[in-house]
Amino acid sequence: MIAKRGKIDEAFKAGKLDIVAASPATTSVAFNWGQLDAVIFM
C-alpha cells in the first residue's frame, strides 16, 4: 500500500491528478503538499 501512495503522490505533484481523496490519517503521514492552495477534510 505504501508504494501505491507514493505513485499517487508523484502523479499528483506532476499534475496528472487534479484531486486526491484520502483520509486525514493518510495525508498527515509521508505526504508533503505544501504547494496546495486548499485542503478539505470531511
Protein backbone atom coordinates (compact mmCIF):
# COMPACT_ATOMS: atom_id res chain seq x y z
CA MET A 1 0.00 0.00 0.00
CA ILE A 2 2.88 2.40 0.69
CA ALA A 3 4.14 2.00 -2.86
CA LYS A 4 0.68 2.88 -4.18
CA ARG A 5 0.63 6.03 -2.01
CA GLY A 6 3.99 7.03 -3.44
CA LYS A 7 2.72 6.64 -7.01
CA ILE A 8 -0.36 8.71 -6.22
CA ASP A 9 1.79 11.40 -4.59
CA GLU A 10 4.13 11.59 -7.59
CA ALA A 11 1.24 11.70 -10.09
CA PHE A 12 -0.41 14.50 -8.10
CA LYS A 13 2.79 16.53 -7.89
CA ALA A 14 3.35 16.05 -11.64
CA GLY A 15 -0.10 17.46 -12.40
CA LYS A 16 -1.55 14.18 -13.64
CA LEU A 17 -4.24 14.20 -10.92
CA ASP A 18 -6.46 17.17 -10.07
CA ILE A 19 -7.94 15.71 -6.90
CA VAL A 20 -6.83 13.16 -4.33
CA ALA A 21 -9.37 11.83 -1.83
CA ALA A 22 -7.69 10.41 1.26
CA SER A 23 -8.23 10.17 4.97
CA PRO A 24 -6.56 12.73 7.26
CA ALA A 25 -4.52 9.90 8.78
CA THR A 26 -3.12 9.04 5.35
CA THR A 27 -2.38 12.58 4.24
CA SER A 28 -0.72 13.53 7.52
CA VAL A 29 1.98 10.89 7.09
CA ALA A 30 4.51 10.89 4.25
CA PHE A 31 2.76 13.45 2.04
CA ASN A 32 4.23 16.92 1.56
CA TRP A 33 1.81 19.03 -0.45
CA GLY A 34 2.92 22.49 0.65
CA GLN A 35 2.12 23.88 -2.80
CA LEU A 36 -1.63 23.42 -2.29
CA ASP A 37 -3.96 26.39 -2.01
CA ALA A 38 -6.60 24.39 -0.11
CA VAL A 39 -7.05 21.11 1.72
CA ILE A 40 -10.52 19.96 2.70
CA PHE A 41 -11.15 17.35 5.38
CA MET A 42 -14.59 15.81 5.62
